[in-house]
C-alpha atoms as a PDB file:
ATOM      1  CA  UNK A   1       0.019   0.007   0.000  1.00  0.00           C
ATOM      2  CA  UNK A   2       1.147   3.595  -0.591  1.00  0.00           C
ATOM      3  CA  UNK A   3       3.242   4.940   2.206  1.00  0.00           C
ATOM      4  CA  UNK A   4       1.958   7.689   4.533  1.00  0.00           C
ATOM      5  CA  UNK A   5       4.796   8.016   6.985  1.00  0.00           C
ATOM      6  CA  UNK A   6       7.280  10.860   6.790  1.00  0.00           C
ATOM      7  CA  UNK A   7      10.229  10.192   4.362  1.00  0.00           C
ATOM      8  CA  UNK A   8      13.898  10.449   5.135  1.00  0.00           C
ATOM      9  CA  UNK A   9      14.563  14.033   6.322  1.00  0.00           C
ATOM     10  CA  UNK A  10      18.152  14.290   5.200  1.00  0.00           C
ATOM     11  CA  UNK A  11      19.462  17.755   4.374  1.00  0.00           C
ATOM     12  CA  UNK A  12      19.373  17.078   0.665  1.00  0.00           C
ATOM     13  CA  UNK A  13      19.238  14.041  -1.608  1.00  0.00           C
ATOM     14  CA  UNK A  14      22.336  13.749  -3.786  1.00  0.00           C
ATOM     15  CA  UNK A  15      21.280  13.442  -7.509  1.00  0.00           C
ATOM     16  CA  UNK A  16      23.669  11.129  -9.268  1.00  0.00           C
ATOM     17  CA  UNK A  17      23.922   9.730 -12.829  1.00  0.00           C
ATOM     18  CA  UNK A  18      22.337   6.464 -11.688  1.00  0.00           C
ATOM     19  CA  UNK A  19      19.421   8.177  -9.914  1.00  0.00           C
ATOM     20  CA  UNK A  20      15.989   7.060 -11.137  1.00  0.00           C
ATOM     21  CA  UNK A  21      14.470  10.261 -12.546  1.00  0.00           C
ATOM     22  CA  UNK A  22      10.913  10.475 -13.793  1.00  0.00           C
ATOM     23  CA  UNK A  23      10.178  13.325 -16.229  1.00  0.00           C
ATOM     24  CA  UNK A  24       6.435  13.843 -16.342  1.00  0.00           C
ATOM     25  CA  UNK A  25       5.530  15.566 -19.614  1.00  0.00           C
ATOM     26  CA  UNK A  26       8.731  14.472 -21.447  1.00  0.00           C
ATOM     27  CA  UNK A  27       7.210  15.197 -24.878  1.00  0.00           C
ATOM     28  CA  UNK A  28       6.393  18.786 -24.076  1.00  0.00           C
ATOM     29  CA  UNK A  29       8.811  21.661 -24.680  1.00  0.00           C
ATOM     30  CA  UNK A  30      10.134  21.782 -21.077  1.00  0.00           C
ATOM     31  CA  UNK A  31      10.097  18.052 -20.392  1.00  0.00           C
ATOM     32  CA  UNK A  32      11.834  17.214 -23.725  1.00  0.00           C
ATOM     33  CA  UNK A  33      14.523  19.826 -22.939  1.00  0.00           C
ATOM     34  CA  UNK A  34      15.106  18.215 -19.503  1.00  0.00           C
ATOM     35  CA  UNK A  35      15.284  14.820 -21.119  1.00  0.00           C
ATOM     36  CA  UNK A  36      17.826  15.973 -23.717  1.00  0.00           C
ATOM     37  CA  UNK A  37      19.969  17.586 -21.052  1.00  0.00           C
ATOM     38  CA  UNK A  38      19.917  14.602 -18.697  1.00  0.00           C
ATOM     39  CA  UNK A  39      20.781  12.243 -21.536  1.00  0.00           C
ATOM     40  CA  UNK A  40      23.653  14.529 -22.690  1.00  0.00           C
ATOM     41  CA  UNK A  41      24.941  14.729 -19.091  1.00  0.00           C
ATOM     42  CA  UNK A  42      25.171  10.934 -18.829  1.00  0.00           C
ATOM     43  CA  UNK A  43      22.124  10.158 -16.646  1.00  0.00           C
ATOM     44  CA  UNK A  44      21.337   6.514 -17.286  1.00  0.00           C
ATOM     45  CA  UNK A  45      18.127   5.828 -15.389  1.00  0.00           C
ATOM     46  CA  UNK A  46      15.500   8.041 -16.894  1.00  0.00           C
ATOM     47  CA  UNK A  47      11.853   7.186 -16.695  1.00  0.00           C
ATOM     48  CA  UNK A  48       9.208   8.520 -19.165  1.00  0.00           C
ATOM     49  CA  UNK A  49       5.704   7.522 -20.168  1.00  0.00           C
ATOM     50  CA  UNK A  50       3.547   8.809 -23.067  1.00  0.00           C
ATOM     51  CA  UNK A  51      -0.061   9.948 -22.582  1.00  0.00           C
ATOM     52  CA  UNK A  52      -1.185   6.642 -24.023  1.00  0.00           C
ATOM     53  CA  UNK A  53       0.912   4.729 -21.546  1.00  0.00           C
ATOM     54  CA  UNK A  54      -0.009   6.798 -18.486  1.00  0.00           C
ATOM     55  CA  UNK A  55      -3.043   9.083 -18.043  1.00  0.00           C
ATOM     56  CA  UNK A  56      -1.863  11.645 -15.532  1.00  0.00           C
ATOM     57  CA  UNK A  57      -5.455  12.655 -14.714  1.00  0.00           C
ATOM     58  CA  UNK A  58      -6.056   9.211 -13.237  1.00  0.00           C
ATOM     59  CA  UNK A  59      -4.785   9.017  -9.662  1.00  0.00           C
ATOM     60  CA  UNK A  60      -4.777   5.194  -9.565  1.00  0.00           C
ATOM     61  CA  UNK A  61      -2.718   4.915 -12.789  1.00  0.00           C
ATOM     62  CA  UNK A  62      -0.153   7.425 -11.389  1.00  0.00           C
ATOM     63  CA  UNK A  63       0.060   5.530  -8.110  1.00  0.00           C
ATOM     64  CA  UNK A  64       0.621   2.282 -10.011  1.00  0.00           C
ATOM     65  CA  UNK A  65       3.359   3.796 -12.172  1.00  0.00           C
ATOM     66  CA  UNK A  66       5.219   5.060  -9.078  1.00  0.00           C
ATOM     67  CA  UNK A  67       4.818   1.736  -7.314  1.00  0.00           C
ATOM     68  CA  UNK A  68       6.207  -0.140 -10.328  1.00  0.00           C
ATOM     69  CA  UNK A  69       9.166   2.165 -11.205  1.00  0.00           C
ATOM     70  CA  UNK A  70      10.013   3.698  -7.842  1.00  0.00           C
ATOM     71  CA  UNK A  71      11.402   7.008  -9.055  1.00  0.00           C
ATOM     72  CA  UNK A  72      13.801   8.774  -6.678  1.00  0.00           C
ATOM     73  CA  UNK A  73      13.460  12.171  -8.374  1.00  0.00           C
ATOM     74  CA  UNK A  74      10.436  13.618 -10.220  1.00  0.00           C
ATOM     75  CA  UNK A  75      10.273  16.545 -12.551  1.00  0.00           C
ATOM     76  CA  UNK A  76       6.701  17.846 -12.844  1.00  0.00           C
ATOM     77  CA  UNK A  77       6.741  19.349 -16.391  1.00  0.00           C
ATOM     78  CA  UNK A  78       3.331  17.949 -17.421  1.00  0.00           C
ATOM     79  CA  UNK A  79       0.628  20.548 -17.752  1.00  0.00           C
ATOM     80  CA  UNK A  80      -2.085  21.899 -20.018  1.00  0.00           C
ATOM     81  CA  UNK A  81      -0.598  25.077 -21.474  1.00  0.00           C
ATOM     82  CA  UNK A  82      -1.581  27.742 -24.018  1.00  0.00           C
ATOM     83  CA  UNK A  83      -1.590  31.448 -24.891  1.00  0.00           C
ATOM     84  CA  UNK A  84      -4.078  34.267 -24.172  1.00  0.00           C
ATOM     85  CA  UNK A  85      -6.693  32.887 -26.577  1.00  0.00           C
ATOM     86  CA  UNK A  86      -6.689  29.287 -25.240  1.00  0.00           C
ATOM     87  CA  UNK A  87      -6.617  30.437 -21.602  1.00  0.00           C
ATOM     88  CA  UNK A  88      -9.535  32.884 -22.144  1.00  0.00           C
ATOM     89  CA  UNK A  89     -11.719  30.307 -23.910  1.00  0.00           C
ATOM     90  CA  UNK A  90     -11.003  27.274 -21.673  1.00  0.00           C
ATOM     91  CA  UNK A  91     -10.682  28.422 -18.066  1.00  0.00           C
ATOM     92  CA  UNK A  92     -12.406  25.283 -16.750  1.00  0.00           C
ATOM     93  CA  UNK A  93     -10.028  22.949 -18.515  1.00  0.00           C
ATOM     94  CA  UNK A  94      -6.913  25.010 -17.587  1.00  0.00           C
ATOM     95  CA  UNK A  95      -7.920  25.030 -13.931  1.00  0.00           C
ATOM     96  CA  UNK A  96      -9.241  21.457 -13.434  1.00  0.00           C
ATOM     97  CA  UNK A  97      -6.818  19.552 -15.665  1.00  0.00           C
ATOM     98  CA  UNK A  98      -3.745  21.183 -14.159  1.00  0.00           C
ATOM     99  CA  UNK A  99      -4.972  20.794 -10.616  1.00  0.00           C
ATOM    100  CA  UNK A 100      -5.661  17.102 -11.234  1.00  0.00           C
ATOM    101  CA  UNK A 101      -2.353  16.315 -12.950  1.00  0.00           C
ATOM    102  CA  UNK A 102      -0.143  18.075 -10.427  1.00  0.00           C
ATOM    103  CA  UNK A 103      -2.082  16.767  -7.454  1.00  0.00           C
ATOM    104  CA  UNK A 104      -1.740  13.185  -8.668  1.00  0.00           C
ATOM    105  CA  UNK A 105       1.984  13.547  -9.367  1.00  0.00           C
ATOM    106  CA  UNK A 106       2.885  15.358  -6.114  1.00  0.00           C
ATOM    107  CA  UNK A 107       0.634  13.210  -3.838  1.00  0.00           C
ATOM    108  CA  UNK A 108       1.943   9.930  -5.339  1.00  0.00           C
ATOM    109  CA  UNK A 109       5.511  11.190  -4.882  1.00  0.00           C
ATOM    110  CA  UNK A 110       4.895  11.465  -1.217  1.00  0.00           C
ATOM    111  CA  UNK A 111       3.116   8.089  -1.014  1.00  0.00           C
ATOM    112  CA  UNK A 112       6.021   6.302  -2.695  1.00  0.00           C
ATOM    113  CA  UNK A 113       8.912   7.954  -0.966  1.00  0.00           C
ATOM    114  CA  UNK A 114      10.279  10.146  -3.804  1.00  0.00           C
ATOM    115  CA  UNK A 115      13.477  11.716  -2.511  1.00  0.00           C
ATOM    116  CA  UNK A 116      13.207  15.001  -4.375  1.00  0.00           C
ATOM    117  CA  UNK A 117      10.618  16.692  -6.642  1.00  0.00           C
ATOM    118  CA  UNK A 118      10.850  19.699  -8.850  1.00  0.00           C
ATOM    119  CA  UNK A 119       7.514  21.466  -9.647  1.00  0.00           C
ATOM    120  CA  UNK A 120       7.412  23.767 -12.655  1.00  0.00           C
ATOM    121  CA  UNK A 121       5.206  26.770 -12.136  1.00  0.00           C
ATOM    122  CA  UNK A 122       4.884  29.884 -14.301  1.00  0.00           C
ATOM    123  CA  UNK A 123       5.602  33.592 -14.101  1.00  0.00           C
ATOM    124  CA  UNK A 124       1.845  34.164 -14.546  1.00  0.00           C
ATOM    125  CA  UNK A 125       1.389  33.330 -10.881  1.00  0.00           C
ATOM    126  CA  UNK A 126       2.344  36.829  -9.974  1.00  0.00           C
ATOM    127  CA  UNK A 127      -0.076  39.804  -9.656  1.00  0.00           C
ATOM    128  CA  UNK A 128      -0.894  41.685 -12.778  1.00  0.00           C
ATOM    129  CA  UNK A 129       0.448  44.908 -11.343  1.00  0.00           C
ATOM    130  CA  UNK A 130       3.439  43.522  -9.403  1.00  0.00           C
ATOM    131  CA  UNK A 131       6.459  45.748  -9.031  1.00  0.00           C
ATOM    132  CA  UNK A 132       9.112  45.164 -11.715  1.00  0.00           C
ATOM    133  CA  UNK A 133      11.261  43.161 -11.789  1.00  0.00           C
ATOM    134  CA  UNK A 134       9.049  40.710 -10.047  1.00  0.00           C
ATOM    135  CA  UNK A 135      10.417  39.171  -6.846  1.00  0.00           C
ATOM    136  CA  UNK A 136       9.383  35.750  -5.515  1.00  0.00           C
ATOM    137  CA  UNK A 137       7.917  37.624  -2.533  1.00  0.00           C
ATOM    138  CA  UNK A 138       5.278  39.212  -4.800  1.00  0.00           C
ATOM    139  CA  UNK A 139       3.275  36.009  -4.886  1.00  0.00           C
ATOM    140  CA  UNK A 140      -0.329  36.515  -3.584  1.00  0.00           C
ATOM    141  CA  UNK A 141       0.088  40.260  -3.045  1.00  0.00           C
ATOM    142  CA  UNK A 142      -2.486  41.398  -5.663  1.00  0.00           C
ATOM    143  CA  UNK A 143      -4.994  40.378  -8.362  1.00  0.00           C
ATOM    144  CA  UNK A 144      -3.904  38.083 -11.225  1.00  0.00           C
ATOM    145  CA  UNK A 145      -4.035  38.846 -14.944  1.00  0.00           C
ATOM    146  CA  UNK A 146      -7.650  37.845 -15.878  1.00  0.00           C
ATOM    147  CA  UNK A 147      -6.737  36.337 -19.217  1.00  0.00           C
ATOM    148  CA  UNK A 148      -4.876  33.413 -17.652  1.00  0.00           C
ATOM    149  CA  UNK A 149      -5.928  33.418 -13.949  1.00  0.00           C
ATOM    150  CA  UNK A 150      -7.260  29.841 -14.131  1.00  0.00           C
ATOM    151  CA  UNK A 151      -3.891  28.454 -15.121  1.00  0.00           C
ATOM    152  CA  UNK A 152      -2.087  30.764 -12.620  1.00  0.00           C
ATOM    153  CA  UNK A 153      -4.355  29.629  -9.750  1.00  0.00           C
ATOM    154  CA  UNK A 154      -3.652  25.955 -10.539  1.00  0.00           C
ATOM    155  CA  UNK A 155       0.076  26.627 -10.471  1.00  0.00           C
ATOM    156  CA  UNK A 156      -0.203  28.581  -7.190  1.00  0.00           C
ATOM    157  CA  UNK A 157      -2.000  25.531  -5.685  1.00  0.00           C
ATOM    158  CA  UNK A 158       0.866  23.277  -6.900  1.00  0.00           C
ATOM    159  CA  UNK A 159       3.433  25.469  -5.224  1.00  0.00           C
ATOM    160  CA  UNK A 160       1.483  25.513  -1.999  1.00  0.00           C
ATOM    161  CA  UNK A 161       1.006  21.699  -2.064  1.00  0.00           C
ATOM    162  CA  UNK A 162       4.779  21.238  -2.433  1.00  0.00           C
ATOM    163  CA  UNK A 163       5.359  23.631   0.472  1.00  0.00           C
ATOM    164  CA  UNK A 164       2.734  21.882   2.573  1.00  0.00           C
ATOM    165  CA  UNK A 165       4.358  18.409   2.055  1.00  0.00           C
ATOM    166  CA  UNK A 166       7.694  19.943   3.022  1.00  0.00           C
ATOM    167  CA  UNK A 167       6.149  21.602   6.108  1.00  0.00           C
ATOM    168  CA  UNK A 168       4.092  18.644   7.295  1.00  0.00           C
ATOM    169  CA  UNK A 169       6.211  15.708   6.313  1.00  0.00           C
ATOM    170  CA  UNK A 170       9.705  17.023   5.480  1.00  0.00           C
ATOM    171  CA  UNK A 171       9.517  16.139   1.818  1.00  0.00           C
ATOM    172  CA  UNK A 172      12.209  17.667  -0.354  1.00  0.00           C
ATOM    173  CA  UNK A 173       9.996  19.386  -2.892  1.00  0.00           C
ATOM    174  CA  UNK A 174      11.088  22.551  -4.690  1.00  0.00           C
ATOM    175  CA  UNK A 175       9.202  24.945  -7.044  1.00  0.00           C
ATOM    176  CA  UNK A 176      10.612  27.015  -9.851  1.00  0.00           C
ATOM    177  CA  UNK A 177       8.930  29.840 -11.814  1.00  0.00           C
ATOM    178  CA  UNK A 178      10.105  30.087 -15.421  1.00  0.00           C
ATOM    179  CA  UNK A 179       9.604  33.205 -17.482  1.00  0.00           C
ATOM    180  CA  UNK A 180       8.273  32.980 -21.080  1.00  0.00           C
ATOM    181  CA  UNK A 181       9.932  30.051 -22.798  1.00  0.00           C
ATOM    182  CA  UNK A 182      10.788  29.263 -26.407  1.00  0.00           C
ATOM    183  CA  UNK A 183      12.799  26.780 -28.395  1.00  0.00           C
ATOM    184  CA  UNK A 184      12.590  23.129 -29.669  1.00  0.00           C
ATOM    185  CA  UNK A 185       9.312  21.366 -28.942  1.00  0.00           C
ATOM    186  CA  UNK A 186       7.258  24.554 -28.869  1.00  0.00           C
ATOM    187  CA  UNK A 187       3.570  24.520 -29.866  1.00  0.00           C
ATOM    188  CA  UNK A 188       2.905  26.329 -33.174  1.00  0.00           C
ATOM    189  CA  UNK A 189      -0.860  25.898 -33.211  1.00  0.00           C
ATOM    190  CA  UNK A 190      -2.192  29.470 -33.631  1.00  0.00           C
ATOM    191  CA  UNK A 191      -5.206  28.702 -31.376  1.00  0.00           C
ATOM    192  CA  UNK A 192      -3.202  27.510 -28.417  1.00  0.00           C
ATOM    193  CA  UNK A 193       0.440  28.790 -28.873  1.00  0.00           C
ATOM    194  CA  UNK A 194       2.336  31.372 -26.871  1.00  0.00           C
ATOM    195  CA  UNK A 195       3.473  34.652 -28.437  1.00  0.00           C
ATOM    196  CA  UNK A 196       6.967  33.538 -29.632  1.00  0.00           C
ATOM    197  CA  UNK A 197       5.832  30.391 -31.430  1.00  0.00           C
ATOM    198  CA  UNK A 198       2.802  32.185 -32.884  1.00  0.00           C
ATOM    199  CA  UNK A 199       4.819  35.035 -34.272  1.00  0.00           C
ATOM    200  CA  UNK A 200       7.404  32.691 -35.806  1.00  0.00           C
ATOM    201  CA  UNK A 201       4.691  30.892 -37.619  1.00  0.00           C
ATOM    202  CA  UNK A 202       2.703  33.996 -38.602  1.00  0.00           C
ATOM    203  CA  UNK A 203       5.686  35.801 -40.072  1.00  0.00           C
ATOM    204  CA  UNK A 204       7.024  32.737 -41.866  1.00  0.00           C
ATOM    205  CA  UNK A 205       3.616  32.041 -43.510  1.00  0.00           C
ATOM    206  CA  UNK A 206       3.232  35.713 -44.349  1.00  0.00           C
ATOM    207  CA  UNK A 207       6.557  35.639 -46.171  1.00  0.00           C
ATOM    208  CA  UNK A 208       5.643  32.421 -47.987  1.00  0.00           C
ATOM    209  CA  UNK A 209       2.312  33.963 -49.132  1.00  0.00           C
ATOM    210  CA  UNK A 210       3.908  37.308 -50.140  1.00  0.00           C
ATOM    211  CA  UNK A 211       1.513  39.184 -47.852  1.00  0.00           C
ATOM    212  CA  UNK A 212       1.778  42.995 -47.935  1.00  0.00           C
ATOM    213  CA  UNK A 213       0.710  43.281 -44.252  1.00  0.00           C
ATOM    214  CA  UNK A 214       0.431  41.224 -41.107  1.00  0.00           C
ATOM    215  CA  UNK A 215      -2.003  42.097 -38.326  1.00  0.00           C
ATOM    216  CA  UNK A 216      -1.033  41.225 -34.745  1.00  0.00           C
ATOM    217  CA  UNK A 217      -2.963  41.369 -31.487  1.00  0.00           C
ATOM    218  CA  UNK A 218      -2.852  44.346 -29.157  1.00  0.00           C
ATOM    219  CA  UNK A 219      -0.671  47.447 -29.185  1.00  0.00           C
ATOM    220  CA  UNK A 220       2.740  45.886 -29.257  1.00  0.00           C
ATOM    221  CA  UNK A 221       3.767  47.813 -26.140  1.00  0.00           C
ATOM    222  CA  UNK A 222       3.702  45.084 -23.472  1.00  0.00           C
ATOM    223  CA  UNK A 223       7.137  43.915 -22.438  1.00  0.00           C
ATOM    224  CA  UNK A 224       8.150  40.328 -22.088  1.00  0.00           C
ATOM    225  CA  UNK A 225      11.183  38.402 -20.921  1.00  0.00           C
ATOM    226  CA  UNK A 226      12.155  35.258 -22.931  1.00  0.00           C
ATOM    227  CA  UNK A 227      14.364  32.336 -21.932  1.00  0.00           C
ATOM    228  CA  UNK A 228      15.479  29.516 -24.201  1.00  0.00           C
ATOM    229  CA  UNK A 229      14.165  26.203 -22.973  1.00  0.00           C
ATOM    230  CA  UNK A 230      17.572  24.606 -22.926  1.00  0.00           C
ATOM    231  CA  UNK A 231      18.664  27.272 -20.457  1.00  0.00           C
ATOM    232  CA  UNK A 232      15.628  26.375 -18.331  1.00  0.00           C
ATOM    233  CA  UNK A 233      16.554  22.710 -18.333  1.00  0.00           C
ATOM    234  CA  UNK A 234      20.099  23.539 -17.137  1.00  0.00           C
ATOM    235  CA  UNK A 235      18.711  25.746 -14.389  1.00  0.00           C
ATOM    236  CA  UNK A 236      16.368  22.895 -13.275  1.00  0.00           C
ATOM    237  CA  UNK A 237      19.200  20.380 -13.051  1.00  0.00           C
ATOM    238  CA  UNK A 238      21.358  22.976 -11.225  1.00  0.00           C
ATOM    239  CA  UNK A 239      18.600  23.433  -8.613  1.00  0.00           C
ATOM    240  CA  UNK A 240      17.904  19.706  -8.288  1.00  0.00           C
ATOM    241  CA  UNK A 241      21.582  19.211  -7.484  1.00  0.00           C
ATOM    242  CA  UNK A 242      22.158  22.254  -5.241  1.00  0.00           C
ATOM    243  CA  UNK A 243      18.905  23.694  -3.860  1.00  0.00           C
ATOM    244  CA  UNK A 244      16.637  22.387  -1.134  1.00  0.00           C
ATOM    245  CA  UNK A 245      14.160  25.000   0.219  1.00  0.00           C
ATOM    246  CA  UNK A 246      10.424  25.626   0.192  1.00  0.00           C
ATOM    247  CA  UNK A 247      11.060  29.142  -1.156  1.00  0.00           C
ATOM    248  CA  UNK A 248      10.178  29.413  -4.823  1.00  0.00           C
ATOM    249  CA  UNK A 249      12.868  30.401  -7.338  1.00  0.00           C
ATOM    250  CA  UNK A 250      12.433  32.541 -10.450  1.00  0.00           C
ATOM    251  CA  UNK A 251      14.180  31.380 -13.659  1.00  0.00           C
ATOM    252  CA  UNK A 252      14.709  33.952 -16.319  1.00  0.00           C
ATOM    253  CA  UNK A 253      17.355  36.028 -18.105  1.00  0.00           C
ATOM    254  CA  UNK A 254      16.781  39.364 -16.439  1.00  0.00           C
ATOM    255  CA  UNK A 255      16.117  41.304 -19.593  1.00  0.00           C
ATOM    256  CA  UNK A 256      12.871  42.002 -21.572  1.00  0.00           C
ATOM    257  CA  UNK A 257      11.699  43.553 -24.910  1.00  0.00           C
ATOM    258  CA  UNK A 258       8.424  44.914 -26.196  1.00  0.00           C
ATOM    259  CA  UNK A 259       6.194  42.684 -28.287  1.00  0.00           C
ATOM    260  CA  UNK A 260       6.675  45.171 -31.136  1.00  0.00           C
ATOM    261  CA  UNK A 261      10.461  44.775 -30.864  1.00  0.00           C
ATOM    262  CA  UNK A 262      10.102  41.035 -30.852  1.00  0.00           C
ATOM    263  CA  UNK A 263       7.872  41.241 -33.954  1.00  0.00           C
ATOM    264  CA  UNK A 264      10.489  43.326 -35.767  1.00  0.00           C
ATOM    265  CA  UNK A 265      13.246  40.881 -34.870  1.00  0.00           C
ATOM    266  CA  UNK A 266      11.296  37.940 -36.103  1.00  0.00           C
ATOM    267  CA  UNK A 267      10.226  39.788 -39.189  1.00  0.00           C
ATOM    268  CA  UNK A 268      13.893  40.552 -40.110  1.00  0.00           C
ATOM    269  CA  UNK A 269      14.939  36.979 -39.205  1.00  0.00           C
ATOM    270  CA  UNK A 270      12.411  35.230 -41.484  1.00  0.00           C
ATOM    271  CA  UNK A 271      12.714  37.793 -44.299  1.00  0.00           C
ATOM    272  CA  UNK A 272       9.219  39.305 -44.160  1.00  0.00           C
ATOM    273  CA  UNK A 273       9.224  42.681 -45.849  1.00  0.00           C
ATOM    274  CA  UNK A 274       5.564  43.775 -45.457  1.00  0.00           C
ATOM    275  CA  UNK A 275       3.970  46.130 -42.933  1.00  0.00           C
ATOM    276  CA  UNK A 276       3.154  45.180 -39.424  1.00  0.00           C
ATOM    277  CA  UNK A 277      -0.313  46.356 -38.193  1.00  0.00           C
ATOM    278  CA  UNK A 278      -1.568  46.227 -34.601  1.00  0.00           C
ATOM    279  CA  UNK A 279      -5.178  45.298 -33.761  1.00  0.00           C
ATOM    280  CA  UNK A 280      -5.860  47.349 -30.637  1.00  0.00           C
ATOM    281  CA  UNK A 281      -9.257  45.765 -30.226  1.00  0.00           C
ATOM    282  CA  UNK A 282      -7.490  42.626 -29.006  1.00  0.00           C
ATOM    283  CA  UNK A 283      -6.105  42.262 -25.449  1.00  0.00           C
ATOM    284  CA  UNK A 284      -2.482  43.021 -24.519  1.00  0.00           C
ATOM    285  CA  UNK A 285      -2.448  40.916 -21.406  1.00  0.00           C
ATOM    286  CA  UNK A 286      -0.114  41.934 -18.581  1.00  0.00           C
ATOM    287  CA  UNK A 287       1.786  45.053 -19.532  1.00  0.00           C
ATOM    288  CA  UNK A 288       5.114  43.808 -18.214  1.00  0.00           C
ATOM    289  CA  UNK A 289       6.485  40.619 -16.763  1.00  0.00           C
ATOM    290  CA  UNK A 290      10.192  40.768 -15.940  1.00  0.00           C
ATOM    291  CA  UNK A 291      11.409  38.428 -13.225  1.00  0.00           C
ATOM    292  CA  UNK A 292      13.862  39.283 -10.513  1.00  0.00           C
ATOM    293  CA  UNK A 293      16.422  36.453 -10.811  1.00  0.00           C
ATOM    294  CA  UNK A 294      18.787  37.624  -8.085  1.00  0.00           C
ATOM    295  CA  UNK A 295      17.903  34.532  -5.919  1.00  0.00           C
ATOM    296  CA  UNK A 296      18.994  32.167  -8.688  1.00  0.00           C
ATOM    297  CA  UNK A 297      22.031  34.266  -9.609  1.00  0.00           C
ATOM    298  CA  UNK A 298      23.156  34.291  -5.949  1.00  0.00           C
ATOM    299  CA  UNK A 299      23.073  30.539  -6.031  1.00  0.00           C
ATOM    300  CA  UNK A 300      25.539  30.665  -8.920  1.00  0.00           C
ATOM    301  CA  UNK A 301      23.554  30.128 -12.080  1.00  0.00           C
ATOM    302  CA  UNK A 302      23.047  32.385 -15.162  1.00  0.00           C
ATOM    303  CA  UNK A 303      21.658  31.671 -18.658  1.00  0.00           C
ATOM    304  CA  UNK A 304      24.221  31.071 -21.442  1.00  0.00           C
ATOM    305  CA  UNK A 305      22.072  31.460 -24.655  1.00  0.00           C
ATOM    306  CA  UNK A 306      21.720  35.089 -25.776  1.00  0.00           C
ATOM    307  CA  UNK A 307      18.310  36.208 -27.097  1.00  0.00           C
ATOM    308  CA  UNK A 308      19.477  36.805 -30.693  1.00  0.00           C
ATOM    309  CA  UNK A 309      21.210  33.400 -30.777  1.00  0.00           C
ATOM    310  CA  UNK A 310      18.216  31.755 -29.186  1.00  0.00           C
ATOM    311  CA  UNK A 311      15.861  33.358 -31.662  1.00  0.00           C
ATOM    312  CA  UNK A 312      17.845  31.889 -34.606  1.00  0.00           C
ATOM    313  CA  UNK A 313      17.814  28.483 -32.931  1.00  0.00           C
ATOM    314  CA  UNK A 314      14.012  28.749 -32.352  1.00  0.00           C
ATOM    315  CA  UNK A 315      13.377  29.584 -36.000  1.00  0.00           C
ATOM    316  CA  UNK A 316      15.470  26.576 -37.029  1.00  0.00           C
ATOM    317  CA  UNK A 317      13.463  24.395 -34.669  1.00  0.00           C
ATOM    318  CA  UNK A 318      10.198  25.747 -36.224  1.00  0.00           C
ATOM    319  CA  UNK A 319      11.462  24.972 -39.725  1.00  0.00           C
ATOM    320  CA  UNK A 320      12.403  21.439 -38.592  1.00  0.00           C
ATOM    321  CA  UNK A 321       8.950  20.925 -37.095  1.00  0.00           C
ATOM    322  CA  UNK A 322       7.335  21.781 -40.407  1.00  0.00           C
ATOM    323  CA  UNK A 323       9.642  19.378 -42.280  1.00  0.00           C
ATOM    324  CA  UNK A 324       8.635  16.579 -39.815  1.00  0.00           C
ATOM    325  CA  UNK A 325       4.922  17.268 -40.425  1.00  0.00           C
ATOM    326  CA  UNK A 326       5.508  17.132 -44.264  1.00  0.00           C
ATOM    327  CA  UNK A 327       7.508  13.876 -43.932  1.00  0.00           C
END
């Protein structure tokens, strides 16, 4: 039967190359980046399961998976994600599916004695009008951005659940808050994608179709911070190996640009020569989201991929994704 007693309360579990590490959501952008990195670093005992093999919304199935494979470390990268449009249209699904998935993964980790768990949150957990750059202490100090509050609330509950297991049982669960991510494995569906992936596709297709103009949502004035997903994976491994506290940790690059600047960069990169129009009847979302990454920097980690380099890599990944669809 699943365990209910408190686990080993050692200072910190040492993550080694032979450690059994389960990556929940290994086919998503974040999970696949973590898998690539761990494989490249020589980790030899990695556990994965596709959605067909393991339905994370089913508690009994998750419990059975943990019981069979006995993971020592769990990376919770599985989630229902999407951009402003998807979040606005499906608040029920974004709230209930994410609550169910993370509750099942975190609770089963406690039941089966997982030594360390890393929960991936999101920068959208912070108040819409939080002071910039956004410190970890800003959590729950003001109202959320309405266009994605369902997703944010689910992530906040995941953070609190990890903290509660640490507080009540001494479990070594940590939570990290990534900024806006991009790179290999991104979602390019225009109905559900985030801004970077959506713009890469929109501009590429506009160039292919020789469009004279392209119309984008909002005013272009909101500012966003972007981190390449491979940098995020490195930060996650760094924290799994060196961090053990209930305090959440922001992961970002410490710099941001306007959406208009991003559009201009992508336009130049893909070779679109038409005019960019802004549809101000559409929402902008939060006006600025720049994370304070001083806590992570003080621990000794900084990103290595510059934005311009990362943007080129992201476009290459987009082109490769289209080739794979054609094949």
